Each structure stands twice: as C-alpha cells, then as structure tokens.
C-alpha cells in the first residue's frame, strides 16, 4: 500500500495496541484503557473539528495505564505503529502534557521503547537504533515473551 487511508492507519494502530496490551497482560500487569477513543467514546470525530488546549490535551492521552502488582508501579503507555520504524519528539505536541509516558513503537521488524524524557533529551526511534523493548528493565518484561510478541507483530504487519 503506497498511501494508507486514515481507516487503514487506524486499524494498524489498533492491532499494535492489541499486541502490546496482551504482552503486558501476559506479564500479569493490569491494563487500563485510557486513550481518547476509550475514555471519551465518540469524541475523536469532534476533536478533528475543534482547536484549543482542551482538545490538544484530550488528543494526546496515552493509550494505556499499566499497573505492575509486583512493585506497585503504574506507567502511562502510548503505542505507535510505524511501518518505517521511526518515531521522534517532532511527532508530538510541543507542550506534550504526559511527561511520564513510555512510547512503544511497533514495526514489522521490532518493538522499541523510549520514555518521553528520553525523546525530549534528543533520542529517537529508528530502524537502526538499539532502543529495543527487550532491553528495558524498568518495565520488568521477560525477553523471551517480548520476542514471541515481536514474531506476532511481524506476522500481522508483513504484507500490509
């Protein structure tokens, strides 16, 4: 597909979110739907027609809050599908209001992760960077399980 439609991009994004949701659930995390589409159903169409700080805040809500009972920690998680495997601070609002967010980028080849603070510090996700989710220790995810979900992502996103 050369130029995917909004619907096609939305479906790919939802598949990526499902993969990451199930990855966290497989690790015993509680996963709470948080993003705009789930917290305020139906508002997505209205935010396209409006402007202002409230709209900007709603549109930037992270997809999930994940809770790890092993250490009683919670994390904001934003999931992005990127066919090109790239994600940087430039793609976010200039006054992004969720500084404690983990950005997990799913591509055909990898699942990578950076925090907002790392993005703001000049890091970015690219096909050649080493910001693999399997290297993050702060989320307490098992490397073998992550690899299993990477294989699943490759299966779903190859050829689309």
N, C-alpha and C. Protein backbone atom coordinates (compact mmCIF):
# COMPACT_ATOMS: atom_id res chain seq x y z
N UNK A 1 0.83 -1.17 0.00
CA UNK A 1 0.00 0.00 0.00
C UNK A 1 0.88 1.23 0.00
N UNK A 2 0.67 2.11 -0.94
CA UNK A 2 1.54 3.27 -1.04
C UNK A 2 1.15 4.39 -0.07
N UNK A 3 -0.13 4.72 0.01
CA UNK A 3 -0.56 5.80 0.89
C UNK A 3 -1.81 5.34 1.64
N UNK A 4 -1.62 4.76 2.82
CA UNK A 4 -2.77 4.22 3.54
C UNK A 4 -3.77 5.30 3.95
N UNK A 5 -5.03 4.95 3.92
CA UNK A 5 -6.08 5.87 4.34
C UNK A 5 -6.08 5.98 5.86
N UNK A 6 -6.84 6.96 6.36
CA UNK A 6 -6.97 7.11 7.81
C UNK A 6 -7.47 5.82 8.44
N UNK A 7 -8.45 5.17 7.81
CA UNK A 7 -9.00 3.92 8.35
C UNK A 7 -7.94 2.83 8.42
N UNK A 8 -7.13 2.71 7.37
CA UNK A 8 -6.08 1.69 7.36
C UNK A 8 -5.05 1.96 8.45
N UNK A 9 -4.64 3.22 8.60
CA UNK A 9 -3.68 3.58 9.66
C UNK A 9 -4.28 3.30 11.03
N UNK A 10 -5.55 3.61 11.19
CA UNK A 10 -6.24 3.39 12.47
C UNK A 10 -6.29 1.90 12.82
N UNK A 11 -6.58 1.07 11.84
CA UNK A 11 -6.64 -0.39 12.08
C UNK A 11 -5.26 -0.91 12.46
N UNK A 12 -4.22 -0.49 11.76
CA UNK A 12 -2.86 -0.92 12.09
C UNK A 12 -2.50 -0.48 13.51
N UNK A 13 -2.88 0.73 13.86
CA UNK A 13 -2.61 1.22 15.21
C UNK A 13 -3.32 0.39 16.26
N UNK A 14 -4.55 0.00 15.98
CA UNK A 14 -5.31 -0.81 16.94
C UNK A 14 -4.71 -2.21 17.09
N UNK A 15 -4.21 -2.77 15.99
CA UNK A 15 -3.55 -4.08 16.07
C UNK A 15 -2.29 -3.96 16.93
N UNK A 16 -1.51 -2.92 16.70
CA UNK A 16 -0.30 -2.71 17.51
C UNK A 16 -0.67 -2.56 18.98
N UNK A 17 -1.71 -1.79 19.28
CA UNK A 17 -2.17 -1.63 20.66
C UNK A 17 -2.58 -2.97 21.26
N UNK A 18 -3.28 -3.79 20.49
CA UNK A 18 -3.70 -5.11 20.99
C UNK A 18 -2.51 -5.99 21.31
N UNK A 19 -1.51 -5.97 20.47
CA UNK A 19 -0.31 -6.77 20.71
C UNK A 19 0.36 -6.35 22.02
N UNK A 20 0.51 -5.05 22.21
CA UNK A 20 1.17 -4.56 23.42
C UNK A 20 0.29 -4.77 24.65
N UNK A 21 -1.01 -4.58 24.51
CA UNK A 21 -1.93 -4.85 25.63
C UNK A 21 -1.77 -6.29 26.10
N UNK A 22 -1.78 -7.24 25.16
CA UNK A 22 -1.66 -8.65 25.51
C UNK A 22 -0.28 -8.98 26.06
N UNK A 23 0.75 -8.32 25.59
CA UNK A 23 2.10 -8.52 26.13
C UNK A 23 2.13 -8.16 27.62
N UNK A 24 1.57 -7.01 27.96
CA UNK A 24 1.55 -6.62 29.38
C UNK A 24 0.66 -7.55 30.20
N UNK A 25 -0.47 -7.94 29.66
CA UNK A 25 -1.35 -8.86 30.39
C UNK A 25 -0.67 -10.21 30.63
N UNK A 26 0.09 -10.67 29.66
CA UNK A 26 0.81 -11.94 29.80
C UNK A 26 1.85 -11.87 30.93
N UNK A 27 2.26 -10.68 31.27
CA UNK A 27 3.21 -10.48 32.37
C UNK A 27 2.51 -10.19 33.70
N UNK A 28 1.20 -10.32 33.72
CA UNK A 28 0.46 -10.11 34.95
C UNK A 28 0.12 -8.67 35.26
N UNK A 29 0.39 -7.78 34.32
CA UNK A 29 0.02 -6.38 34.51
C UNK A 29 -1.50 -6.21 34.42
N UNK A 30 -2.01 -5.24 35.16
CA UNK A 30 -3.37 -4.78 34.93
C UNK A 30 -3.25 -3.72 33.85
N UNK A 31 -4.06 -3.82 32.82
CA UNK A 31 -4.01 -2.87 31.71
C UNK A 31 -5.32 -2.12 31.67
N UNK A 32 -5.24 -0.81 31.83
CA UNK A 32 -6.43 0.05 31.83
C UNK A 32 -6.43 0.88 30.56
N UNK A 33 -7.52 0.79 29.82
CA UNK A 33 -7.68 1.59 28.60
C UNK A 33 -7.80 3.05 29.03
N UNK A 34 -7.02 3.93 28.42
CA UNK A 34 -7.00 5.30 28.87
C UNK A 34 -7.16 6.31 27.75
N UNK A 35 -6.74 6.00 26.57
CA UNK A 35 -6.70 6.96 25.47
C UNK A 35 -8.03 7.61 25.16
N UNK A 36 -7.96 8.66 24.37
CA UNK A 36 -9.12 9.46 23.99
C UNK A 36 -10.27 8.59 23.48
N UNK A 37 -9.96 7.63 22.63
CA UNK A 37 -11.00 6.83 21.99
C UNK A 37 -11.79 6.00 22.99
N UNK A 38 -11.15 5.65 24.10
CA UNK A 38 -11.81 4.78 25.08
C UNK A 38 -12.35 5.53 26.28
N UNK A 39 -11.67 6.59 26.68
CA UNK A 39 -12.12 7.35 27.84
C UNK A 39 -13.33 8.23 27.53
N UNK A 40 -13.37 8.74 26.31
CA UNK A 40 -14.46 9.60 25.89
C UNK A 40 -14.94 9.11 24.52
N UNK A 41 -15.68 7.98 24.49
CA UNK A 41 -16.09 7.41 23.20
C UNK A 41 -16.84 8.43 22.34
N UNK A 42 -16.47 8.45 21.07
CA UNK A 42 -17.14 9.33 20.12
C UNK A 42 -16.54 10.71 20.00
N UNK A 43 -15.64 11.08 20.89
CA UNK A 43 -15.10 12.44 20.85
C UNK A 43 -14.07 12.63 19.73
N UNK A 44 -13.52 11.53 19.24
CA UNK A 44 -12.48 11.61 18.22
C UNK A 44 -12.95 12.44 17.00
N UNK A 45 -14.15 12.21 16.54
CA UNK A 45 -14.66 12.97 15.38
C UNK A 45 -14.81 14.44 15.71
N UNK A 46 -15.13 14.77 16.94
CA UNK A 46 -15.32 16.16 17.32
C UNK A 46 -13.99 16.89 17.48
N UNK A 47 -12.95 16.19 17.90
CA UNK A 47 -11.66 16.85 18.09
C UNK A 47 -11.03 17.24 16.76
N UNK A 48 -11.43 16.60 15.69
CA UNK A 48 -10.91 16.98 14.37
C UNK A 48 -11.46 18.33 13.93
N UNK A 49 -12.60 18.73 14.48
CA UNK A 49 -13.27 19.95 14.06
C UNK A 49 -13.01 21.13 14.99
N UNK A 50 -12.27 20.92 16.08
CA UNK A 50 -12.09 21.97 17.07
C UNK A 50 -10.60 22.28 17.26
N UNK A 51 -10.35 23.33 18.02
CA UNK A 51 -8.99 23.72 18.37
C UNK A 51 -8.94 24.06 19.85
N UNK A 52 -7.73 24.25 20.36
CA UNK A 52 -7.58 24.71 21.73
C UNK A 52 -6.85 23.72 22.62
N UNK A 53 -6.55 24.18 23.82
CA UNK A 53 -5.75 23.38 24.74
C UNK A 53 -6.48 22.15 25.25
N UNK A 54 -7.79 22.24 25.45
CA UNK A 54 -8.53 21.07 25.92
C UNK A 54 -8.49 19.98 24.86
N UNK A 55 -8.72 20.34 23.62
CA UNK A 55 -8.65 19.39 22.51
C UNK A 55 -7.26 18.76 22.45
N UNK A 56 -6.23 19.59 22.55
CA UNK A 56 -4.86 19.09 22.49
C UNK A 56 -4.58 18.11 23.61
N UNK A 57 -5.04 18.41 24.81
CA UNK A 57 -4.81 17.53 25.97
C UNK A 57 -5.54 16.20 25.76
N UNK A 58 -6.78 16.24 25.28
CA UNK A 58 -7.55 15.02 25.05
C UNK A 58 -6.89 14.16 23.97
N UNK A 59 -6.46 14.77 22.88
CA UNK A 59 -5.88 14.03 21.76
C UNK A 59 -4.55 13.37 22.10
N UNK A 60 -3.87 13.86 23.13
CA UNK A 60 -2.56 13.31 23.47
C UNK A 60 -2.62 12.29 24.61
N UNK A 61 -3.80 11.95 25.09
CA UNK A 61 -3.90 10.99 26.19
C UNK A 61 -3.23 9.68 25.81
N UNK A 62 -2.35 9.15 26.68
CA UNK A 62 -1.72 7.85 26.39
C UNK A 62 -2.78 6.74 26.25
N UNK A 63 -2.43 5.71 25.51
CA UNK A 63 -3.38 4.62 25.24
C UNK A 63 -3.74 3.82 26.48
N UNK A 64 -2.75 3.58 27.35
CA UNK A 64 -2.97 2.70 28.50
C UNK A 64 -2.33 3.25 29.76
N UNK A 65 -2.86 2.81 30.87
CA UNK A 65 -2.15 2.86 32.14
C UNK A 65 -1.94 1.39 32.49
N UNK A 66 -0.70 1.03 32.75
CA UNK A 66 -0.41 -0.36 33.12
C UNK A 66 0.09 -0.38 34.56
N UNK A 67 -0.38 -1.37 35.31
CA UNK A 67 0.00 -1.48 36.71
C UNK A 67 0.65 -2.83 36.95
N UNK A 68 1.81 -2.79 37.57
CA UNK A 68 2.56 -3.98 37.91
C UNK A 68 2.41 -4.23 39.40
N UNK A 69 1.69 -5.30 39.77
CA UNK A 69 1.46 -5.61 41.18
C UNK A 69 2.73 -6.04 41.90
N UNK A 70 3.74 -6.49 41.15
CA UNK A 70 4.97 -6.96 41.80
C UNK A 70 5.69 -5.82 42.52
N UNK A 71 5.61 -4.62 41.97
CA UNK A 71 6.29 -3.49 42.60
C UNK A 71 5.36 -2.29 42.82
N UNK A 72 4.05 -2.52 42.61
CA UNK A 72 3.04 -1.47 42.83
C UNK A 72 3.33 -0.20 42.03
N UNK A 73 3.83 -0.35 40.82
CA UNK A 73 4.10 0.81 39.97
C UNK A 73 3.11 0.86 38.84
N UNK A 74 2.83 2.08 38.41
CA UNK A 74 1.97 2.32 37.25
C UNK A 74 2.77 3.10 36.21
N UNK A 75 2.42 2.86 34.94
CA UNK A 75 3.09 3.55 33.85
C UNK A 75 2.04 3.97 32.81
N UNK A 76 2.24 5.15 32.23
CA UNK A 76 1.50 5.52 31.03
C UNK A 76 2.19 4.85 29.86
N UNK A 77 1.41 4.31 28.91
CA UNK A 77 1.96 3.68 27.72
C UNK A 77 1.22 4.20 26.50
N UNK A 78 1.97 4.70 25.55
CA UNK A 78 1.44 5.11 24.26
C UNK A 78 2.02 4.18 23.22
N UNK A 79 1.18 3.57 22.40
CA UNK A 79 1.62 2.61 21.38
C UNK A 79 1.48 3.26 20.01
N UNK A 80 2.52 3.12 19.22
CA UNK A 80 2.52 3.63 17.85
C UNK A 80 2.93 2.51 16.91
N UNK A 81 2.22 2.38 15.80
CA UNK A 81 2.68 1.51 14.72
C UNK A 81 3.37 2.39 13.70
N UNK A 82 4.54 2.01 13.31
CA UNK A 82 5.28 2.73 12.28
C UNK A 82 5.89 1.72 11.32
N UNK A 83 5.40 1.72 10.09
CA UNK A 83 5.94 0.81 9.08
C UNK A 83 7.43 1.08 8.86
N UNK A 84 7.82 2.35 8.96
CA UNK A 84 9.22 2.71 8.74
C UNK A 84 10.07 2.57 10.00
N UNK A 85 9.45 2.23 11.13
CA UNK A 85 10.20 2.03 12.37
C UNK A 85 10.74 3.31 12.99
N UNK A 86 10.20 4.47 12.62
CA UNK A 86 10.72 5.75 13.10
C UNK A 86 9.70 6.47 13.99
N UNK A 87 10.21 7.10 15.04
CA UNK A 87 9.38 7.94 15.90
C UNK A 87 10.29 8.91 16.63
N UNK A 88 9.86 10.18 16.68
CA UNK A 88 10.67 11.19 17.35
C UNK A 88 9.78 12.22 18.03
N UNK A 89 10.40 13.07 18.78
CA UNK A 89 9.70 14.13 19.50
C UNK A 89 8.92 15.04 18.56
N UNK A 90 9.39 15.19 17.33
CA UNK A 90 8.72 16.06 16.36
C UNK A 90 7.26 15.66 16.12
N UNK A 91 6.92 14.40 16.37
CA UNK A 91 5.56 13.92 16.12
C UNK A 91 4.59 14.26 17.25
N UNK A 92 5.09 14.85 18.33
CA UNK A 92 4.25 15.17 19.48
C UNK A 92 3.96 16.66 19.54
N UNK A 93 2.89 16.99 20.26
CA UNK A 93 2.58 18.40 20.50
C UNK A 93 3.77 19.04 21.21
N UNK A 94 4.01 20.31 20.95
CA UNK A 94 5.17 20.97 21.54
C UNK A 94 5.08 21.06 23.07
N UNK A 95 3.89 21.07 23.60
CA UNK A 95 3.74 21.09 25.06
C UNK A 95 3.08 19.79 25.54
N UNK A 96 3.65 18.68 25.15
CA UNK A 96 3.10 17.36 25.48
C UNK A 96 2.89 17.24 26.99
N UNK A 97 1.64 16.98 27.42
CA UNK A 97 1.32 17.06 28.85
C UNK A 97 1.50 15.79 29.67
N UNK A 98 2.09 14.75 29.12
CA UNK A 98 2.21 13.47 29.82
C UNK A 98 3.69 13.07 29.89
N UNK A 99 4.52 13.73 30.68
CA UNK A 99 5.96 13.51 30.65
C UNK A 99 6.43 12.14 31.15
N UNK A 100 5.57 11.38 31.80
CA UNK A 100 5.97 10.07 32.32
C UNK A 100 5.57 8.92 31.41
N UNK A 101 5.33 9.20 30.16
CA UNK A 101 4.84 8.19 29.22
C UNK A 101 5.98 7.38 28.61
N UNK A 102 5.72 6.07 28.47
CA UNK A 102 6.59 5.17 27.69
C UNK A 102 5.98 5.08 26.29
N UNK A 103 6.75 5.36 25.27
CA UNK A 103 6.30 5.24 23.89
C UNK A 103 6.83 3.91 23.35
N UNK A 104 5.91 3.02 23.00
CA UNK A 104 6.29 1.73 22.45
C UNK A 104 5.94 1.75 20.96
N UNK A 105 6.95 1.57 20.14
CA UNK A 105 6.79 1.64 18.70
C UNK A 105 6.90 0.23 18.14
N UNK A 106 5.83 -0.18 17.47
CA UNK A 106 5.76 -1.50 16.86
C UNK A 106 5.95 -1.32 15.35
N UNK A 107 6.86 -2.11 14.80
CA UNK A 107 7.05 -2.13 13.35
C UNK A 107 7.05 -3.59 12.92
N UNK A 108 7.26 -3.82 11.63
CA UNK A 108 7.31 -5.20 11.14
C UNK A 108 8.49 -5.96 11.74
N UNK A 109 9.56 -5.26 12.06
CA UNK A 109 10.80 -5.89 12.47
C UNK A 109 11.07 -5.85 13.97
N UNK A 110 10.56 -4.84 14.68
CA UNK A 110 10.97 -4.65 16.07
C UNK A 110 9.84 -4.08 16.92
N UNK A 111 10.02 -4.20 18.21
CA UNK A 111 9.23 -3.45 19.18
C UNK A 111 10.26 -2.67 19.99
N UNK A 112 10.17 -1.34 19.92
CA UNK A 112 11.14 -0.48 20.58
C UNK A 112 10.42 0.44 21.56
N UNK A 113 11.19 1.02 22.46
CA UNK A 113 10.58 1.83 23.51
C UNK A 113 11.52 2.93 23.98
N UNK A 114 10.95 4.12 24.12
CA UNK A 114 11.63 5.24 24.77
C UNK A 114 10.61 5.95 25.65
N UNK A 115 11.08 6.59 26.69
CA UNK A 115 10.20 7.42 27.50
C UNK A 115 10.12 8.81 26.88
N UNK A 116 9.13 9.56 27.29
CA UNK A 116 9.05 10.94 26.82
C UNK A 116 10.32 11.71 27.19
N UNK A 117 10.80 11.49 28.39
CA UNK A 117 12.01 12.20 28.83
C UNK A 117 13.20 11.87 27.94
N UNK A 118 13.30 10.64 27.47
CA UNK A 118 14.38 10.29 26.55
C UNK A 118 14.19 10.96 25.20
N UNK A 119 12.95 11.00 24.72
CA UNK A 119 12.67 11.70 23.47
C UNK A 119 13.01 13.19 23.60
N UNK A 120 12.59 13.79 24.72
CA UNK A 120 12.87 15.21 24.95
C UNK A 120 14.36 15.47 25.10
N UNK A 121 15.10 14.44 25.50
CA UNK A 121 16.55 14.55 25.65
C UNK A 121 17.31 14.37 24.34
N UNK A 122 16.59 14.22 23.24
CA UNK A 122 17.25 14.13 21.95
C UNK A 122 17.30 12.75 21.33
N UNK A 123 16.82 11.73 22.03
CA UNK A 123 16.81 10.38 21.46
C UNK A 123 15.61 10.22 20.53
N UNK A 124 15.69 9.28 19.64
CA UNK A 124 14.56 8.95 18.76
C UNK A 124 14.61 7.47 18.44
N UNK A 125 13.53 7.00 17.87
CA UNK A 125 13.46 5.60 17.46
C UNK A 125 13.63 5.55 15.95
N UNK A 126 14.52 4.66 15.53
CA UNK A 126 14.79 4.49 14.10
C UNK A 126 14.99 3.00 13.85
N UNK A 127 15.00 2.58 12.59
CA UNK A 127 15.22 1.16 12.30
C UNK A 127 16.56 0.63 12.82
N UNK A 128 17.55 1.51 12.98
CA UNK A 128 18.87 1.05 13.40
C UNK A 128 19.20 1.33 14.86
N UNK A 129 18.33 2.02 15.58
CA UNK A 129 18.63 2.32 16.99
C UNK A 129 18.54 1.05 17.83
N UNK A 130 19.07 1.13 19.02
CA UNK A 130 19.10 -0.05 19.89
C UNK A 130 18.12 0.07 21.06
N UNK A 131 17.09 0.85 20.90
CA UNK A 131 16.10 1.06 21.97
C UNK A 131 15.04 -0.03 21.98
N UNK A 132 15.47 -1.26 21.93
CA UNK A 132 14.56 -2.39 21.90
C UNK A 132 13.84 -2.55 23.24
N UNK A 133 12.58 -2.93 23.18
CA UNK A 133 11.82 -3.16 24.40
C UNK A 133 12.48 -4.24 25.26
N UNK A 134 13.10 -5.22 24.65
CA UNK A 134 13.73 -6.29 25.43
C UNK A 134 14.89 -5.79 26.29
N UNK A 135 15.39 -4.59 26.02
CA UNK A 135 16.49 -4.04 26.80
C UNK A 135 16.02 -3.20 28.00
N UNK A 136 14.74 -2.91 28.06
CA UNK A 136 14.24 -2.06 29.16
C UNK A 136 14.07 -2.91 30.41
N UNK A 137 14.64 -2.48 31.49
CA UNK A 137 14.49 -3.20 32.75
C UNK A 137 13.41 -2.58 33.63
N UNK A 138 13.09 -1.31 33.40
CA UNK A 138 12.13 -0.62 34.26
C UNK A 138 10.71 -1.17 34.17
N UNK A 139 10.38 -1.84 33.09
CA UNK A 139 9.03 -2.39 32.94
C UNK A 139 8.94 -3.85 33.39
N UNK A 140 10.05 -4.50 33.61
CA UNK A 140 10.06 -5.86 34.14
C UNK A 140 9.45 -6.90 33.21
N UNK A 141 9.65 -6.75 31.92
CA UNK A 141 9.10 -7.69 30.95
C UNK A 141 10.14 -8.74 30.58
N UNK A 142 9.69 -9.97 30.38
CA UNK A 142 10.55 -11.09 30.04
C UNK A 142 10.97 -11.03 28.57
N UNK A 143 12.26 -11.16 28.33
CA UNK A 143 12.79 -11.05 26.97
C UNK A 143 12.21 -12.10 26.02
N UNK A 144 12.07 -13.33 26.49
CA UNK A 144 11.53 -14.39 25.63
C UNK A 144 10.08 -14.10 25.24
N UNK A 145 9.31 -13.59 26.18
CA UNK A 145 7.92 -13.26 25.88
C UNK A 145 7.84 -12.10 24.90
N UNK A 146 8.70 -11.12 25.07
CA UNK A 146 8.72 -9.99 24.13
C UNK A 146 9.04 -10.49 22.73
N UNK A 147 9.99 -11.40 22.63
CA UNK A 147 10.34 -11.96 21.32
C UNK A 147 9.15 -12.65 20.68
N UNK A 148 8.37 -13.36 21.49
CA UNK A 148 7.17 -14.03 20.98
C UNK A 148 6.18 -13.01 20.40
N UNK A 149 6.04 -11.88 21.06
CA UNK A 149 5.13 -10.86 20.57
C UNK A 149 5.71 -10.11 19.37
N UNK A 150 7.03 -10.04 19.28
CA UNK A 150 7.65 -9.47 18.08
C UNK A 150 7.37 -10.34 16.87
N UNK A 151 7.42 -11.65 17.04
CA UNK A 151 7.09 -12.57 15.95
C UNK A 151 5.63 -12.39 15.55
N UNK A 152 4.77 -12.22 16.52
CA UNK A 152 3.36 -11.99 16.24
C UNK A 152 3.16 -10.70 15.45
N UNK A 153 3.85 -9.64 15.85
CA UNK A 153 3.75 -8.36 15.13
C UNK A 153 4.22 -8.52 13.69
N UNK A 154 5.31 -9.24 13.50
CA UNK A 154 5.83 -9.44 12.15
C UNK A 154 4.80 -10.19 11.29
N UNK A 155 4.16 -11.18 11.90
CA UNK A 155 3.15 -11.95 11.19
C UNK A 155 1.98 -11.04 10.75
N UNK A 156 1.51 -10.18 11.65
CA UNK A 156 0.37 -9.33 11.34
C UNK A 156 0.70 -8.22 10.36
N UNK A 157 1.92 -7.68 10.43
CA UNK A 157 2.23 -6.49 9.64
C UNK A 157 2.99 -6.77 8.35
N UNK A 158 3.40 -8.00 8.10
CA UNK A 158 4.07 -8.31 6.85
C UNK A 158 3.03 -8.36 5.74
N UNK A 159 3.30 -7.59 4.70
CA UNK A 159 2.39 -7.60 3.55
C UNK A 159 1.26 -6.60 3.61
N UNK A 160 1.20 -5.80 4.69
CA UNK A 160 0.13 -4.77 4.75
C UNK A 160 0.73 -3.39 4.73
